[in-house]
Amino acid sequence: MQIPIGQLWDNLMLFLVVGIFIELAVSAIFSVRIIDDLLNSTLLRSVKNALVIIAAFGVCAKIDQLRLLYGTKIAVPEAIHYVLSSLVLARMANLFHEFSNYVRARSKAP
């Protein structure tokens, strides 16, 4: 069985775009100056990550086409496919957050 790599790549790029939107939406909640100062605490970072994961599960639940292996002919049970897709989407959102923090830190360095 041949796996369409192009379709898998398209799905990953879609996940990256949706992950960026999820990260921006959750970051908008935490962008208040008072909360931004508290974001250095482990508890608040954990809450933010939990919100990203919950948002990813919600988006994957509402959009059937937003599945990692959608259109690739790989047979996976629906529950595993849903959980896998949600976690990959949450990781893409966190990847964008880490990248934006890296760029911000590099721009402040002398």
N, C-alpha and C. Protein backbone atom coordinates (compact mmCIF):
# COMPACT_ATOMS: atom_id res chain seq x y z
N MET A 1 0.84 -1.18 0.00
CA MET A 1 0.00 0.00 0.00
C MET A 1 0.89 1.25 0.00
N GLN A 2 0.64 2.10 -0.93
CA GLN A 2 1.43 3.32 -1.07
C GLN A 2 0.74 4.47 -0.33
N ILE A 3 1.51 5.18 0.49
CA ILE A 3 0.97 6.29 1.26
C ILE A 3 1.18 7.58 0.48
N PRO A 4 0.10 8.33 0.22
CA PRO A 4 0.26 9.62 -0.47
C PRO A 4 0.94 10.64 0.44
N ILE A 5 2.23 10.82 0.25
CA ILE A 5 3.01 11.73 1.08
C ILE A 5 2.54 13.18 0.89
N GLY A 6 2.15 13.52 -0.31
CA GLY A 6 1.68 14.88 -0.58
C GLY A 6 0.47 15.24 0.26
N GLN A 7 -0.46 14.31 0.41
CA GLN A 7 -1.66 14.56 1.21
C GLN A 7 -1.30 14.70 2.69
N LEU A 8 -0.39 13.86 3.15
CA LEU A 8 0.06 13.95 4.55
C LEU A 8 0.75 15.30 4.80
N TRP A 9 1.55 15.74 3.85
CA TRP A 9 2.22 17.05 3.97
C TRP A 9 1.20 18.18 4.00
N ASP A 10 0.18 18.10 3.13
CA ASP A 10 -0.88 19.11 3.14
C ASP A 10 -1.61 19.14 4.47
N ASN A 11 -1.86 17.96 5.03
CA ASN A 11 -2.53 17.89 6.33
C ASN A 11 -1.66 18.53 7.43
N LEU A 12 -0.36 18.28 7.40
CA LEU A 12 0.53 18.88 8.40
C LEU A 12 0.57 20.40 8.26
N MET A 13 0.56 20.90 7.05
CA MET A 13 0.55 22.36 6.85
C MET A 13 -0.76 22.96 7.33
N LEU A 14 -1.88 22.26 7.11
CA LEU A 14 -3.17 22.72 7.62
C LEU A 14 -3.15 22.73 9.14
N PHE A 15 -2.55 21.71 9.75
CA PHE A 15 -2.43 21.66 11.20
C PHE A 15 -1.59 22.82 11.71
N LEU A 16 -0.54 23.17 11.00
CA LEU A 16 0.30 24.29 11.42
C LEU A 16 -0.49 25.60 11.38
N VAL A 17 -1.26 25.81 10.34
CA VAL A 17 -2.04 27.04 10.22
C VAL A 17 -3.11 27.11 11.31
N VAL A 18 -3.83 26.02 11.52
CA VAL A 18 -4.86 26.00 12.56
C VAL A 18 -4.21 26.12 13.93
N GLY A 19 -3.04 25.49 14.11
CA GLY A 19 -2.32 25.61 15.37
C GLY A 19 -1.91 27.04 15.67
N ILE A 20 -1.51 27.77 14.64
CA ILE A 20 -1.16 29.18 14.81
C ILE A 20 -2.37 29.96 15.29
N PHE A 21 -3.53 29.71 14.69
CA PHE A 21 -4.73 30.42 15.12
C PHE A 21 -5.12 30.07 16.55
N ILE A 22 -4.98 28.81 16.93
CA ILE A 22 -5.29 28.41 18.31
C ILE A 22 -4.33 29.10 19.27
N GLU A 23 -3.05 29.09 18.94
CA GLU A 23 -2.06 29.72 19.81
C GLU A 23 -2.32 31.22 19.94
N LEU A 24 -2.64 31.87 18.84
CA LEU A 24 -2.92 33.31 18.91
C LEU A 24 -4.17 33.59 19.73
N ALA A 25 -5.18 32.74 19.62
CA ALA A 25 -6.40 32.95 20.40
C ALA A 25 -6.16 32.76 21.89
N VAL A 26 -5.43 31.72 22.26
CA VAL A 26 -5.15 31.48 23.67
C VAL A 26 -4.18 32.53 24.20
N SER A 27 -3.21 32.92 23.39
CA SER A 27 -2.26 33.95 23.82
C SER A 27 -2.95 35.30 24.01
N ALA A 28 -4.01 35.55 23.26
CA ALA A 28 -4.75 36.81 23.43
C ALA A 28 -5.38 36.87 24.82
N ILE A 29 -5.78 35.73 25.34
CA ILE A 29 -6.35 35.70 26.69
C ILE A 29 -5.28 36.05 27.71
N PHE A 30 -4.08 35.54 27.48
CA PHE A 30 -3.00 35.73 28.45
C PHE A 30 -2.13 36.95 28.14
N SER A 31 -2.57 37.82 27.25
CA SER A 31 -1.75 38.96 26.87
C SER A 31 -1.93 40.17 27.77
N VAL A 32 -2.85 40.09 28.71
CA VAL A 32 -3.03 41.18 29.67
C VAL A 32 -1.74 41.32 30.46
N ARG A 33 -1.30 42.53 30.70
CA ARG A 33 0.00 42.80 31.31
C ARG A 33 0.15 42.12 32.68
N ILE A 34 -0.89 42.12 33.48
CA ILE A 34 -0.81 41.49 34.80
C ILE A 34 -0.59 39.98 34.66
N ILE A 35 -1.32 39.36 33.76
CA ILE A 35 -1.19 37.93 33.55
C ILE A 35 0.14 37.62 32.88
N ASP A 36 0.60 38.50 32.00
CA ASP A 36 1.87 38.27 31.30
C ASP A 36 3.03 38.17 32.28
N ASP A 37 3.00 38.98 33.33
CA ASP A 37 4.06 38.90 34.34
C ASP A 37 3.97 37.60 35.14
N LEU A 38 2.76 37.10 35.34
CA LEU A 38 2.57 35.85 36.07
C LEU A 38 2.82 34.62 35.22
N LEU A 39 2.91 34.79 33.90
CA LEU A 39 3.05 33.65 33.00
C LEU A 39 4.37 32.92 33.20
N ASN A 40 5.30 33.56 33.89
CA ASN A 40 6.56 32.89 34.18
C ASN A 40 6.39 31.77 35.20
N SER A 41 5.26 31.75 35.90
CA SER A 41 5.04 30.67 36.86
C SER A 41 4.66 29.39 36.12
N THR A 42 5.03 28.29 36.71
CA THR A 42 4.77 26.98 36.10
C THR A 42 3.28 26.69 36.05
N LEU A 43 2.55 27.10 37.06
CA LEU A 43 1.12 26.83 37.11
C LEU A 43 0.38 27.51 35.97
N LEU A 44 0.68 28.78 35.73
CA LEU A 44 -0.02 29.50 34.68
C LEU A 44 0.38 28.98 33.29
N ARG A 45 1.63 28.57 33.12
CA ARG A 45 2.03 27.96 31.85
C ARG A 45 1.29 26.65 31.63
N SER A 46 1.08 25.90 32.69
CA SER A 46 0.34 24.64 32.59
C SER A 46 -1.12 24.89 32.23
N VAL A 47 -1.71 25.93 32.81
CA VAL A 47 -3.09 26.29 32.48
C VAL A 47 -3.18 26.69 31.01
N LYS A 48 -2.23 27.46 30.54
CA LYS A 48 -2.22 27.89 29.14
C LYS A 48 -2.09 26.68 28.21
N ASN A 49 -1.20 25.75 28.54
CA ASN A 49 -1.05 24.55 27.72
C ASN A 49 -2.30 23.69 27.75
N ALA A 50 -2.96 23.63 28.90
CA ALA A 50 -4.21 22.88 28.99
C ALA A 50 -5.29 23.51 28.12
N LEU A 51 -5.36 24.84 28.10
CA LEU A 51 -6.33 25.51 27.22
C LEU A 51 -6.05 25.24 25.75
N VAL A 52 -4.78 25.19 25.38
CA VAL A 52 -4.42 24.88 23.99
C VAL A 52 -4.86 23.46 23.64
N ILE A 53 -4.64 22.52 24.54
CA ILE A 53 -5.04 21.13 24.28
C ILE A 53 -6.55 21.01 24.20
N ILE A 54 -7.27 21.67 25.09
CA ILE A 54 -8.74 21.63 25.05
C ILE A 54 -9.25 22.26 23.75
N ALA A 55 -8.67 23.36 23.34
CA ALA A 55 -9.07 24.00 22.08
C ALA A 55 -8.79 23.08 20.90
N ALA A 56 -7.65 22.39 20.93
CA ALA A 56 -7.32 21.47 19.83
C ALA A 56 -8.31 20.32 19.77
N PHE A 57 -8.68 19.77 20.92
CA PHE A 57 -9.69 18.70 20.94
C PHE A 57 -11.03 19.21 20.42
N GLY A 58 -11.40 20.43 20.81
CA GLY A 58 -12.66 21.00 20.33
C GLY A 58 -12.69 21.22 18.84
N VAL A 59 -11.59 21.74 18.30
CA VAL A 59 -11.53 21.99 16.86
C VAL A 59 -11.55 20.68 16.09
N CYS A 60 -10.82 19.69 16.56
CA CYS A 60 -10.80 18.39 15.88
C CYS A 60 -12.15 17.68 15.99
N ALA A 61 -12.89 17.94 17.06
CA ALA A 61 -14.21 17.33 17.22
C ALA A 61 -15.22 17.94 16.26
N LYS A 62 -15.09 19.23 16.00
CA LYS A 62 -16.06 19.92 15.15
C LYS A 62 -15.76 19.78 13.65
N ILE A 63 -14.51 19.63 13.29
CA ILE A 63 -14.13 19.59 11.88
C ILE A 63 -13.65 18.18 11.55
N ASP A 64 -14.47 17.43 10.83
CA ASP A 64 -14.12 16.04 10.51
C ASP A 64 -12.92 15.94 9.58
N GLN A 65 -12.75 16.89 8.70
CA GLN A 65 -11.63 16.85 7.77
C GLN A 65 -10.30 17.19 8.43
N LEU A 66 -10.35 17.69 9.65
CA LEU A 66 -9.12 18.05 10.34
C LEU A 66 -8.62 16.83 11.10
N ARG A 67 -8.18 15.86 10.33
CA ARG A 67 -7.58 14.64 10.86
C ARG A 67 -6.21 14.51 10.21
N LEU A 68 -5.26 14.04 10.98
CA LEU A 68 -3.89 13.97 10.50
C LEU A 68 -3.76 13.07 9.28
N LEU A 69 -4.44 11.96 9.29
CA LEU A 69 -4.31 10.98 8.20
C LEU A 69 -5.47 11.05 7.22
N TYR A 70 -6.19 12.17 7.17
CA TYR A 70 -7.33 12.34 6.29
C TYR A 70 -6.88 12.24 4.83
N GLY A 71 -7.47 11.32 4.09
CA GLY A 71 -7.18 11.17 2.67
C GLY A 71 -5.91 10.41 2.36
N THR A 72 -5.29 9.75 3.34
CA THR A 72 -4.03 9.05 3.09
C THR A 72 -4.19 7.53 2.97
N LYS A 73 -5.40 7.01 3.12
CA LYS A 73 -5.70 5.58 3.00
C LYS A 73 -5.06 4.74 4.11
N ILE A 74 -4.66 5.38 5.21
CA ILE A 74 -4.12 4.64 6.36
C ILE A 74 -5.29 4.40 7.31
N ALA A 75 -5.54 3.13 7.61
CA ALA A 75 -6.67 2.76 8.46
C ALA A 75 -6.26 2.81 9.93
N VAL A 76 -6.91 3.69 10.67
CA VAL A 76 -6.67 3.85 12.10
C VAL A 76 -8.04 3.94 12.77
N PRO A 77 -8.23 3.31 13.93
CA PRO A 77 -9.51 3.47 14.63
C PRO A 77 -9.84 4.94 14.87
N GLU A 78 -11.12 5.26 14.81
CA GLU A 78 -11.56 6.66 14.88
C GLU A 78 -11.13 7.34 16.17
N ALA A 79 -11.21 6.66 17.30
CA ALA A 79 -10.84 7.28 18.58
C ALA A 79 -9.35 7.61 18.61
N ILE A 80 -8.52 6.69 18.13
CA ILE A 80 -7.08 6.93 18.10
C ILE A 80 -6.75 8.05 17.12
N HIS A 81 -7.44 8.07 15.99
CA HIS A 81 -7.24 9.11 14.99
C HIS A 81 -7.59 10.49 15.56
N TYR A 82 -8.68 10.55 16.30
CA TYR A 82 -9.13 11.81 16.91
C TYR A 82 -8.12 12.30 17.95
N VAL A 83 -7.68 11.42 18.83
CA VAL A 83 -6.73 11.80 19.88
C VAL A 83 -5.39 12.19 19.27
N LEU A 84 -4.91 11.40 18.32
CA LEU A 84 -3.64 11.68 17.65
C LEU A 84 -3.69 13.04 16.95
N SER A 85 -4.77 13.29 16.24
CA SER A 85 -4.91 14.56 15.52
C SER A 85 -4.95 15.74 16.49
N SER A 86 -5.67 15.59 17.58
CA SER A 86 -5.78 16.67 18.56
C SER A 86 -4.43 16.97 19.20
N LEU A 87 -3.69 15.93 19.55
CA LEU A 87 -2.39 16.15 20.18
C LEU A 87 -1.37 16.74 19.21
N VAL A 88 -1.42 16.33 17.96
CA VAL A 88 -0.52 16.91 16.96
C VAL A 88 -0.87 18.38 16.74
N LEU A 89 -2.16 18.69 16.71
CA LEU A 89 -2.58 20.08 16.56
C LEU A 89 -2.13 20.92 17.75
N ALA A 90 -2.24 20.40 18.96
CA ALA A 90 -1.78 21.12 20.14
C ALA A 90 -0.27 21.32 20.09
N ARG A 91 0.45 20.32 19.62
CA ARG A 91 1.92 20.45 19.52
C ARG A 91 2.30 21.49 18.46
N MET A 92 1.56 21.56 17.37
CA MET A 92 1.84 22.59 16.36
C MET A 92 1.62 23.98 16.95
N ALA A 93 0.59 24.14 17.77
CA ALA A 93 0.35 25.43 18.42
C ALA A 93 1.50 25.76 19.37
N ASN A 94 1.96 24.78 20.15
CA ASN A 94 3.08 25.02 21.06
C ASN A 94 4.38 25.27 20.29
N LEU A 95 4.54 24.62 19.16
CA LEU A 95 5.71 24.84 18.32
C LEU A 95 5.75 26.28 17.84
N PHE A 96 4.62 26.81 17.42
CA PHE A 96 4.55 28.21 17.01
C PHE A 96 4.86 29.14 18.18
N HIS A 97 4.36 28.81 19.37
CA HIS A 97 4.63 29.63 20.55
C HIS A 97 6.12 29.64 20.88
N GLU A 98 6.76 28.48 20.84
CA GLU A 98 8.19 28.41 21.11
C GLU A 98 9.00 29.17 20.06
N PHE A 99 8.58 29.08 18.80
CA PHE A 99 9.28 29.81 17.73
C PHE A 99 9.15 31.31 17.93
N SER A 100 7.94 31.77 18.28
CA SER A 100 7.76 33.21 18.48
C SER A 100 8.55 33.70 19.69
N ASN A 101 8.65 32.89 20.74
CA ASN A 101 9.48 33.26 21.89
C ASN A 101 10.96 33.31 21.50
N TYR A 102 11.39 32.39 20.67
CA TYR A 102 12.78 32.37 20.20
C TYR A 102 13.10 33.63 19.39
N VAL A 103 12.20 33.98 18.49
CA VAL A 103 12.41 35.19 17.68
C VAL A 103 12.41 36.43 18.56
N ARG A 104 11.53 36.48 19.53
CA ARG A 104 11.45 37.62 20.45
C ARG A 104 12.75 37.73 21.28
N ALA A 105 13.24 36.59 21.75
CA ALA A 105 14.47 36.61 22.56
C ALA A 105 15.68 37.00 21.71
N ARG A 106 15.72 36.53 20.47
CA ARG A 106 16.84 36.89 19.57
C ARG A 106 16.81 38.36 19.19
N SER A 107 15.63 38.94 19.08
CA SER A 107 15.56 40.35 18.70
C SER A 107 15.96 41.26 19.86
N LYS A 108 15.84 40.79 21.11
CA LYS A 108 16.23 41.59 22.26
C LYS A 108 17.73 41.46 22.57
N ALA A 109 18.36 40.41 22.07
CA ALA A 109 19.79 40.19 22.35
C ALA A 109 20.62 41.25 21.64
N PRO A 110 21.70 41.73 22.29
CA PRO A 110 22.54 42.78 21.65
C PRO A 110 23.38 42.24 20.53
